[in-house]
Full PDB file with SEQRES, HELIX, SHEET, SSBOND, CRYST1, ORIGX, SCALE, CONECT and MASTER records, all heavy atoms in Angstrom:
SEQRES   1 A   30  PHE ASN VAL TYR LEU VAL GLN ALA GLY ASN ARG ILE CYS          
SEQRES   2 A   30  GLY ASP PHE GLY GLY ALA LEU VAL ASN LEU ARG GLN ILE          
SEQRES   3 A   30  ASP ASP GLY SER                                              
HELIX    1 AA1 VAL A   21  LEU A   23  5                                   3    
SHEET    1 AA1 3 ASN A   2  ALA A   8  0                                        
SHEET    2 AA1 3 ARG A  11  ALA A  19 -1                                        
SHEET    3 AA1 3 ILE A  26  GLY A  29 -1                                        
CRYST1    1.000    1.000    1.000  90.00  90.00  90.00 P 1           1          
ORIGX1      1.000000  0.000000  0.000000        0.00000                         
ORIGX2      0.000000  1.000000  0.000000        0.00000                         
ORIGX3      0.000000  0.000000  1.000000        0.00000                         
SCALE1      1.000000  0.000000  0.000000        0.00000                         
SCALE2      0.000000  1.000000  0.000000        0.00000                         
SCALE3      0.000000  0.000000  1.000000        0.00000                         
ATOM      1  N   PHE A   1       0.866  -1.177  -0.002  1.00  0.00           N  
ATOM      2  CA  PHE A   1       0.008  -0.005  -0.004  1.00  0.00           C  
ATOM      3  C   PHE A   1       0.901   1.217  -0.003  1.00  0.00           C  
ATOM      4  O   PHE A   1       1.824   1.319   0.795  1.00  0.00           O  
ATOM      5  CB  PHE A   1      -0.872  -0.027   1.259  1.00  0.00           C  
ATOM      6  CG  PHE A   1      -1.860   1.095   1.344  1.00  0.00           C  
ATOM      7  CD1 PHE A   1      -2.980   1.123   0.524  1.00  0.00           C  
ATOM      8  CD2 PHE A   1      -1.683   2.127   2.253  1.00  0.00           C  
ATOM      9  CE1 PHE A   1      -3.888   2.176   0.599  1.00  0.00           C  
ATOM     10  CE2 PHE A   1      -2.579   3.167   2.368  1.00  0.00           C  
ATOM     11  CZ  PHE A   1      -3.714   3.194   1.508  1.00  0.00           C  
ATOM     12  N   ASN A   2       0.671   2.136  -0.944  1.00  0.00           N  
ATOM     13  CA  ASN A   2       1.466   3.342  -1.081  1.00  0.00           C  
ATOM     14  C   ASN A   2       0.546   4.540  -1.120  1.00  0.00           C  
ATOM     15  O   ASN A   2      -0.476   4.523  -1.822  1.00  0.00           O  
ATOM     16  CB  ASN A   2       2.246   3.330  -2.398  1.00  0.00           C  
ATOM     17  CG  ASN A   2       3.109   2.113  -2.531  1.00  0.00           C  
ATOM     18  OD1 ASN A   2       4.095   1.990  -1.843  1.00  0.00           O  
ATOM     19  ND2 ASN A   2       2.749   1.205  -3.419  1.00  0.00           N  
ATOM     20  N   VAL A   3       0.922   5.574  -0.375  1.00  0.00           N  
ATOM     21  CA  VAL A   3       0.150   6.848  -0.453  1.00  0.00           C  
ATOM     22  C   VAL A   3       1.101   7.980  -0.771  1.00  0.00           C  
ATOM     23  O   VAL A   3       2.294   7.909  -0.445  1.00  0.00           O  
ATOM     24  CB  VAL A   3      -0.616   7.155   0.866  1.00  0.00           C  
ATOM     25  CG1 VAL A   3      -1.620   6.102   1.186  1.00  0.00           C  
ATOM     26  CG2 VAL A   3       0.313   7.387   2.024  1.00  0.00           C  
ATOM     27  N   TYR A   4       0.576   8.980  -1.425  1.00  0.00           N  
ATOM     28  CA  TYR A   4       1.324  10.221  -1.588  1.00  0.00           C  
ATOM     29  C   TYR A   4       0.438  11.347  -1.117  1.00  0.00           C  
ATOM     30  O   TYR A   4      -0.709  11.493  -1.589  1.00  0.00           O  
ATOM     31  CB  TYR A   4       1.748  10.463  -3.047  1.00  0.00           C  
ATOM     32  CG  TYR A   4       2.671  11.659  -3.116  1.00  0.00           C  
ATOM     33  CD1 TYR A   4       4.029  11.497  -2.850  1.00  0.00           C  
ATOM     34  CD2 TYR A   4       2.193  12.938  -3.297  1.00  0.00           C  
ATOM     35  CE1 TYR A   4       4.889  12.578  -2.835  1.00  0.00           C  
ATOM     36  CE2 TYR A   4       3.040  14.048  -3.264  1.00  0.00           C  
ATOM     37  CZ  TYR A   4       4.377  13.854  -3.033  1.00  0.00           C  
ATOM     38  OH  TYR A   4       5.246  14.934  -2.989  1.00  0.00           O  
ATOM     39  N   LEU A   5       0.899  12.082  -0.118  1.00  0.00           N  
ATOM     40  CA  LEU A   5       0.098  13.143   0.505  1.00  0.00           C  
ATOM     41  C   LEU A   5       0.746  14.501   0.291  1.00  0.00           C  
ATOM     42  O   LEU A   5       1.972  14.604   0.259  1.00  0.00           O  
ATOM     43  CB  LEU A   5      -0.018  12.882   2.010  1.00  0.00           C  
ATOM     44  CG  LEU A   5      -0.625  11.539   2.419  1.00  0.00           C  
ATOM     45  CD1 LEU A   5      -0.561  11.370   3.938  1.00  0.00           C  
ATOM     46  CD2 LEU A   5      -2.070  11.441   1.940  1.00  0.00           C  
ATOM     47  N   VAL A   6      -0.081  15.495   0.141  1.00  0.00           N  
ATOM     48  CA  VAL A   6       0.357  16.896   0.070  1.00  0.00           C  
ATOM     49  C   VAL A   6      -0.398  17.629   1.145  1.00  0.00           C  
ATOM     50  O   VAL A   6      -1.621  17.510   1.253  1.00  0.00           O  
ATOM     51  CB  VAL A   6       0.069  17.505  -1.323  1.00  0.00           C  
ATOM     52  CG1 VAL A   6       0.401  18.984  -1.323  1.00  0.00           C  
ATOM     53  CG2 VAL A   6       0.845  16.775  -2.407  1.00  0.00           C  
ATOM     54  N   GLN A   7       0.323  18.398   1.964  1.00  0.00           N  
ATOM     55  CA  GLN A   7      -0.300  19.160   3.024  1.00  0.00           C  
ATOM     56  C   GLN A   7      -0.128  20.641   2.769  1.00  0.00           C  
ATOM     57  O   GLN A   7       0.965  21.108   2.455  1.00  0.00           O  
ATOM     58  CB  GLN A   7       0.325  18.793   4.374  1.00  0.00           C  
ATOM     59  CG  GLN A   7      -0.321  19.497   5.543  1.00  0.00           C  
ATOM     60  CD  GLN A   7       0.205  19.041   6.875  1.00  0.00           C  
ATOM     61  OE1 GLN A   7       0.889  18.019   6.985  1.00  0.00           O  
ATOM     62  NE2 GLN A   7      -0.125  19.763   7.934  1.00  0.00           N  
ATOM     63  N   ALA A   8      -1.230  21.395   2.863  1.00  0.00           N  
ATOM     64  CA  ALA A   8      -1.194  22.858   2.760  1.00  0.00           C  
ATOM     65  C   ALA A   8      -1.936  23.393   3.966  1.00  0.00           C  
ATOM     66  O   ALA A   8      -3.139  23.194   4.103  1.00  0.00           O  
ATOM     67  CB  ALA A   8      -1.865  23.336   1.466  1.00  0.00           C  
ATOM     68  N   GLY A   9      -1.191  23.992   4.907  1.00  0.00           N  
ATOM     69  CA  GLY A   9      -1.818  24.363   6.172  1.00  0.00           C  
ATOM     70  C   GLY A   9      -2.247  23.109   6.909  1.00  0.00           C  
ATOM     71  O   GLY A   9      -1.456  22.195   7.084  1.00  0.00           O  
ATOM     72  N   ASN A  10      -3.513  23.047   7.268  1.00  0.00           N  
ATOM     73  CA  ASN A  10      -3.973  21.830   7.953  1.00  0.00           C  
ATOM     74  C   ASN A  10      -4.696  20.872   6.991  1.00  0.00           C  
ATOM     75  O   ASN A  10      -5.125  19.798   7.384  1.00  0.00           O  
ATOM     76  CB  ASN A  10      -4.867  22.181   9.142  1.00  0.00           C  
ATOM     77  CG  ASN A  10      -6.170  22.853   8.730  1.00  0.00           C  
ATOM     78  OD1 ASN A  10      -6.336  23.324   7.607  1.00  0.00           O  
ATOM     79  ND2 ASN A  10      -7.095  22.924   9.647  1.00  0.00           N  
ATOM     80  N   ARG A  11      -4.823  21.256   5.738  1.00  0.00           N  
ATOM     81  CA  ARG A  11      -5.518  20.403   4.774  1.00  0.00           C  
ATOM     82  C   ARG A  11      -4.557  19.442   4.073  1.00  0.00           C  
ATOM     83  O   ARG A  11      -3.416  19.800   3.779  1.00  0.00           O  
ATOM     84  CB  ARG A  11      -6.239  21.270   3.736  1.00  0.00           C  
ATOM     85  CG  ARG A  11      -7.393  21.990   4.404  1.00  0.00           C  
ATOM     86  CD  ARG A  11      -8.181  22.823   3.439  1.00  0.00           C  
ATOM     87  NE  ARG A  11      -9.400  23.335   4.007  1.00  0.00           N  
ATOM     88  CZ  ARG A  11      -9.478  24.171   5.014  1.00  0.00           C  
ATOM     89  NH1 ARG A  11      -8.401  24.577   5.617  1.00  0.00           N  
ATOM     90  NH2 ARG A  11     -10.654  24.595   5.460  1.00  0.00           N  
ATOM     91  N   ILE A  12      -5.083  18.254   3.811  1.00  0.00           N  
ATOM     92  CA  ILE A  12      -4.267  17.204   3.188  1.00  0.00           C  
ATOM     93  C   ILE A  12      -5.050  16.611   2.041  1.00  0.00           C  
ATOM     94  O   ILE A  12      -6.277  16.440   2.127  1.00  0.00           O  
ATOM     95  CB  ILE A  12      -3.955  16.081   4.197  1.00  0.00           C  
ATOM     96  CG1 ILE A  12      -3.089  16.621   5.342  1.00  0.00           C  
ATOM     97  CG2 ILE A  12      -3.259  14.911   3.520  1.00  0.00           C  
ATOM     98  CD1 ILE A  12      -2.881  15.632   6.462  1.00  0.00           C  
ATOM     99  N   CYS A  13      -4.359  16.336   0.946  1.00  0.00           N  
ATOM    100  CA  CYS A  13      -4.974  15.541  -0.112  1.00  0.00           C  
ATOM    101  C   CYS A  13      -3.895  14.680  -0.735  1.00  0.00           C  
ATOM    102  O   CYS A  13      -2.700  14.856  -0.460  1.00  0.00           O  
ATOM    103  CB  CYS A  13      -5.670  16.422  -1.155  1.00  0.00           C  
ATOM    104  SG  CYS A  13      -4.576  17.283  -2.241  1.00  0.00           S  
ATOM    105  N   GLY A  14      -4.312  13.732  -1.552  1.00  0.00           N  
ATOM    106  CA  GLY A  14      -3.347  12.848  -2.185  1.00  0.00           C  
ATOM    107  C   GLY A  14      -4.004  11.700  -2.860  1.00  0.00           C  
ATOM    108  O   GLY A  14      -5.209  11.771  -3.194  1.00  0.00           O  
ATOM    109  N   ASP A  15      -3.221  10.692  -3.108  1.00  0.00           N  
ATOM    110  CA  ASP A  15      -3.741   9.495  -3.753  1.00  0.00           C  
ATOM    111  C   ASP A  15      -3.047   8.257  -3.181  1.00  0.00           C  
ATOM    112  O   ASP A  15      -2.111   8.358  -2.428  1.00  0.00           O  
ATOM    113  CB  ASP A  15      -3.550   9.588  -5.271  1.00  0.00           C  
ATOM    114  CG  ASP A  15      -2.119   9.844  -5.703  1.00  0.00           C  
ATOM    115  OD1 ASP A  15      -1.194   9.465  -4.959  1.00  0.00           O  
ATOM    116  OD2 ASP A  15      -1.930  10.454  -6.756  1.00  0.00           O  
ATOM    117  N   PHE A  16      -3.591   7.084  -3.537  1.00  0.00           N  
ATOM    118  CA  PHE A  16      -3.014   5.857  -3.044  1.00  0.00           C  
ATOM    119  C   PHE A  16      -3.063   4.786  -4.135  1.00  0.00           C  
ATOM    120  O   PHE A  16      -3.829   4.875  -5.091  1.00  0.00           O  
ATOM    121  CB  PHE A  16      -3.746   5.336  -1.778  1.00  0.00           C  
ATOM    122  CG  PHE A  16      -5.053   4.638  -2.067  1.00  0.00           C  
ATOM    123  CD1 PHE A  16      -5.094   3.285  -2.339  1.00  0.00           C  
ATOM    124  CD2 PHE A  16      -6.242   5.345  -2.074  1.00  0.00           C  
ATOM    125  CE1 PHE A  16      -6.294   2.655  -2.597  1.00  0.00           C  
ATOM    126  CE2 PHE A  16      -7.431   4.736  -2.324  1.00  0.00           C  
ATOM    127  CZ  PHE A  16      -7.476   3.367  -2.599  1.00  0.00           C  
ATOM    128  N   GLY A  17      -2.238   3.784  -3.931  1.00  0.00           N  
ATOM    129  CA  GLY A  17      -2.269   2.569  -4.740  1.00  0.00           C  
ATOM    130  C   GLY A  17      -2.080   1.386  -3.835  1.00  0.00           C  
ATOM    131  O   GLY A  17      -1.299   1.466  -2.885  1.00  0.00           O  
ATOM    132  N   GLY A  18      -2.817   0.327  -4.071  1.00  0.00           N  
ATOM    133  CA  GLY A  18      -2.693  -0.870  -3.240  1.00  0.00           C  
ATOM    134  C   GLY A  18      -2.702  -2.106  -4.104  1.00  0.00           C  
ATOM    135  O   GLY A  18      -3.349  -2.133  -5.169  1.00  0.00           O  
ATOM    136  N   ALA A  19      -2.015  -3.151  -3.654  1.00  0.00           N  
ATOM    137  CA  ALA A  19      -1.997  -4.423  -4.375  1.00  0.00           C  
ATOM    138  C   ALA A  19      -1.880  -5.551  -3.365  1.00  0.00           C  
ATOM    139  O   ALA A  19      -1.089  -5.490  -2.444  1.00  0.00           O  
ATOM    140  CB  ALA A  19      -0.813  -4.469  -5.342  1.00  0.00           C  
ATOM    141  N   LEU A  20      -2.673  -6.584  -3.600  1.00  0.00           N  
ATOM    142  CA  LEU A  20      -2.565  -7.791  -2.761  1.00  0.00           C  
ATOM    143  C   LEU A  20      -1.317  -8.562  -3.142  1.00  0.00           C  
ATOM    144  O   LEU A  20      -0.735  -8.335  -4.219  1.00  0.00           O  
ATOM    145  CB  LEU A  20      -3.812  -8.653  -2.921  1.00  0.00           C  
ATOM    146  CG  LEU A  20      -5.133  -8.026  -2.450  1.00  0.00           C  
ATOM    147  CD1 LEU A  20      -6.283  -9.000  -2.686  1.00  0.00           C  
ATOM    148  CD2 LEU A  20      -5.051  -7.626  -0.985  1.00  0.00           C  
ATOM    149  N   VAL A  21      -0.920  -9.505  -2.309  1.00  0.00           N  
ATOM    150  CA  VAL A  21       0.231 -10.349  -2.575  1.00  0.00           C  
ATOM    151  C   VAL A  21       0.049 -11.002  -3.937  1.00  0.00           C  
ATOM    152  O   VAL A  21      -1.055 -11.409  -4.328  1.00  0.00           O  
ATOM    153  CB  VAL A  21       0.387 -11.415  -1.481  1.00  0.00           C  
ATOM    154  CG1 VAL A  21       1.440 -12.461  -1.833  1.00  0.00           C  
ATOM    155  CG2 VAL A  21       0.741 -10.771  -0.129  1.00  0.00           C  
ATOM    156  N   ASN A  22       1.134 -11.100  -4.665  1.00  0.00           N  
ATOM    157  CA  ASN A  22       1.211 -11.656  -6.012  1.00  0.00           C  
ATOM    158  C   ASN A  22       0.442 -10.789  -7.033  1.00  0.00           C  
ATOM    159  O   ASN A  22       0.112 -11.241  -8.113  1.00  0.00           O  
ATOM    160  CB  ASN A  22       0.748 -13.114  -6.090  1.00  0.00           C  
ATOM    161  CG  ASN A  22       1.514 -13.890  -7.132  1.00  0.00           C  
ATOM    162  OD1 ASN A  22       2.648 -13.577  -7.445  1.00  0.00           O  
ATOM    163  ND2 ASN A  22       0.896 -14.916  -7.679  1.00  0.00           N  
ATOM    164  N   LEU A  23       0.128  -9.570  -6.593  1.00  0.00           N  
ATOM    165  CA  LEU A  23      -0.567  -8.588  -7.439  1.00  0.00           C  
ATOM    166  C   LEU A  23      -1.856  -9.118  -8.059  1.00  0.00           C  
ATOM    167  O   LEU A  23      -2.254  -8.741  -9.124  1.00  0.00           O  
ATOM    168  CB  LEU A  23       0.387  -8.045  -8.536  1.00  0.00           C  
ATOM    169  CG  LEU A  23       1.748  -7.592  -8.047  1.00  0.00           C  
ATOM    170  CD1 LEU A  23       2.589  -7.109  -9.188  1.00  0.00           C  
ATOM    171  CD2 LEU A  23       1.618  -6.519  -6.984  1.00  0.00           C  
ATOM    172  N   ARG A  24      -2.531 -10.005  -7.291  1.00  0.00           N  
ATOM    173  CA  ARG A  24      -3.739 -10.646  -7.828  1.00  0.00           C  
ATOM    174  C   ARG A  24      -4.924  -9.668  -7.890  1.00  0.00           C  
ATOM    175  O   ARG A  24      -5.868  -9.897  -8.634  1.00  0.00           O  
ATOM    176  CB  ARG A  24      -4.072 -11.897  -7.092  1.00  0.00           C  
ATOM    177  CG  ARG A  24      -4.450 -11.746  -5.663  1.00  0.00           C  
ATOM    178  CD  ARG A  24      -4.673 -13.115  -4.999  1.00  0.00           C  
ATOM    179  NE  ARG A  24      -5.152 -12.966  -3.647  1.00  0.00           N  
ATOM    180  CZ  ARG A  24      -4.418 -12.760  -2.580  1.00  0.00           C  
ATOM    181  NH1 ARG A  24      -3.110 -12.682  -2.712  1.00  0.00           N  
ATOM    182  NH2 ARG A  24      -4.964 -12.613  -1.403  1.00  0.00           N  
ATOM    183  N   GLN A  25      -4.894  -8.595  -7.094  1.00  0.00           N  
ATOM    184  CA  GLN A  25      -5.897  -7.530  -7.215  1.00  0.00           C  
ATOM    185  C   GLN A  25      -5.198  -6.229  -6.887  1.00  0.00           C  
ATOM    186  O   GLN A  25      -4.386  -6.178  -5.995  1.00  0.00           O  
ATOM    187  CB  GLN A  25      -7.059  -7.766  -6.232  1.00  0.00           C  
ATOM    188  CG  GLN A  25      -7.948  -8.941  -6.651  1.00  0.00           C  
ATOM    189  CD  GLN A  25      -9.101  -9.168  -5.672  1.00  0.00           C  
ATOM    190  OE1 GLN A  25      -8.861  -9.245  -4.461  1.00  0.00           O  
ATOM    191  NE2 GLN A  25     -10.264  -9.263  -6.179  1.00  0.00           N  
ATOM    192  N   ILE A  26      -5.579  -5.168  -7.603  1.00  0.00           N  
ATOM    193  CA  ILE A  26      -5.008  -3.857  -7.371  1.00  0.00           C  
ATOM    194  C   ILE A  26      -6.092  -2.819  -7.197  1.00  0.00           C  
ATOM    195  O   ILE A  26      -7.267  -3.058  -7.566  1.00  0.00           O  
ATOM    196  CB  ILE A  26      -4.037  -3.423  -8.516  1.00  0.00           C  
ATOM    197  CG1 ILE A  26      -4.775  -3.353  -9.845  1.00  0.00           C  
ATOM    198  CG2 ILE A  26      -2.838  -4.362  -8.585  1.00  0.00           C  
ATOM    199  CD1 ILE A  26      -3.947  -2.736 -10.953  1.00  0.00           C  
ATOM    200  N   ASP A  27      -5.758  -1.702  -6.623  1.00  0.00           N  
ATOM    201  CA  ASP A  27      -6.706  -0.633  -6.361  1.00  0.00           C  
ATOM    202  C   ASP A  27      -5.951   0.696  -6.378  1.00  0.00           C  
ATOM    203  O   ASP A  27      -4.720   0.723  -6.213  1.00  0.00           O  
ATOM    204  CB  ASP A  27      -7.342  -0.856  -4.981  1.00  0.00           C  
ATOM    205  CG  ASP A  27      -8.593  -0.009  -4.734  1.00  0.00           C  
ATOM    206  OD1 ASP A  27      -8.992   0.780  -5.608  1.00  0.00           O  
ATOM    207  OD2 ASP A  27      -9.169  -0.117  -3.629  1.00  0.00           O  
ATOM    208  N   ASP A  28      -6.647   1.758  -6.593  1.00  0.00           N  
ATOM    209  CA  ASP A  28      -6.086   3.089  -6.417  1.00  0.00           C  
ATOM    210  C   ASP A  28      -7.231   4.016  -6.041  1.00  0.00           C  
ATOM    211  O   ASP A  28      -8.421   3.617  -6.089  1.00  0.00           O  
ATOM    212  CB  ASP A  28      -5.327   3.590  -7.639  1.00  0.00           C  
ATOM    213  CG  ASP A  28      -6.212   3.761  -8.850  1.00  0.00           C  
ATOM    214  OD1 ASP A  28      -7.238   3.115  -8.968  1.00  0.00           O  
ATOM    215  OD2 ASP A  28      -5.836   4.562  -9.731  1.00  0.00           O  
ATOM    216  N   GLY A  29      -6.913   5.213  -5.608  1.00  0.00           N  
ATOM    217  CA  GLY A  29      -7.964   6.128  -5.199  1.00  0.00           C  
ATOM    218  C   GLY A  29      -7.419   7.445  -4.724  1.00  0.00           C  
ATOM    219  O   GLY A  29      -6.236   7.758  -4.860  1.00  0.00           O  
ATOM    220  N   SER A  30      -8.323   8.230  -4.100  1.00  0.00           N  
ATOM    221  CA  SER A  30      -7.993   9.566  -3.694  1.00  0.00           C  
ATOM    222  C   SER A  30      -8.122   9.707  -2.177  1.00  0.00           C  
ATOM    223  O   SER A  30      -8.833   8.933  -1.524  1.00  0.00           O  
ATOM    224  CB  SER A  30      -8.892  10.587  -4.386  1.00  0.00           C  
ATOM    225  OG  SER A  30     -10.242  10.394  -3.990  1.00  0.00           O  
TER     226      SER A  30                                                      
MASTER        0    0    0    1    3    0    0    6  225    1    0    3          
END                                                                             
């Protein structure tokens, strides 16, 4: 599971990517 976050003041946004073992299922999001 990987996230990338950006913080401006107290607000945060970013995205993520996730993969199960052996990459049998993947996901991403905000």
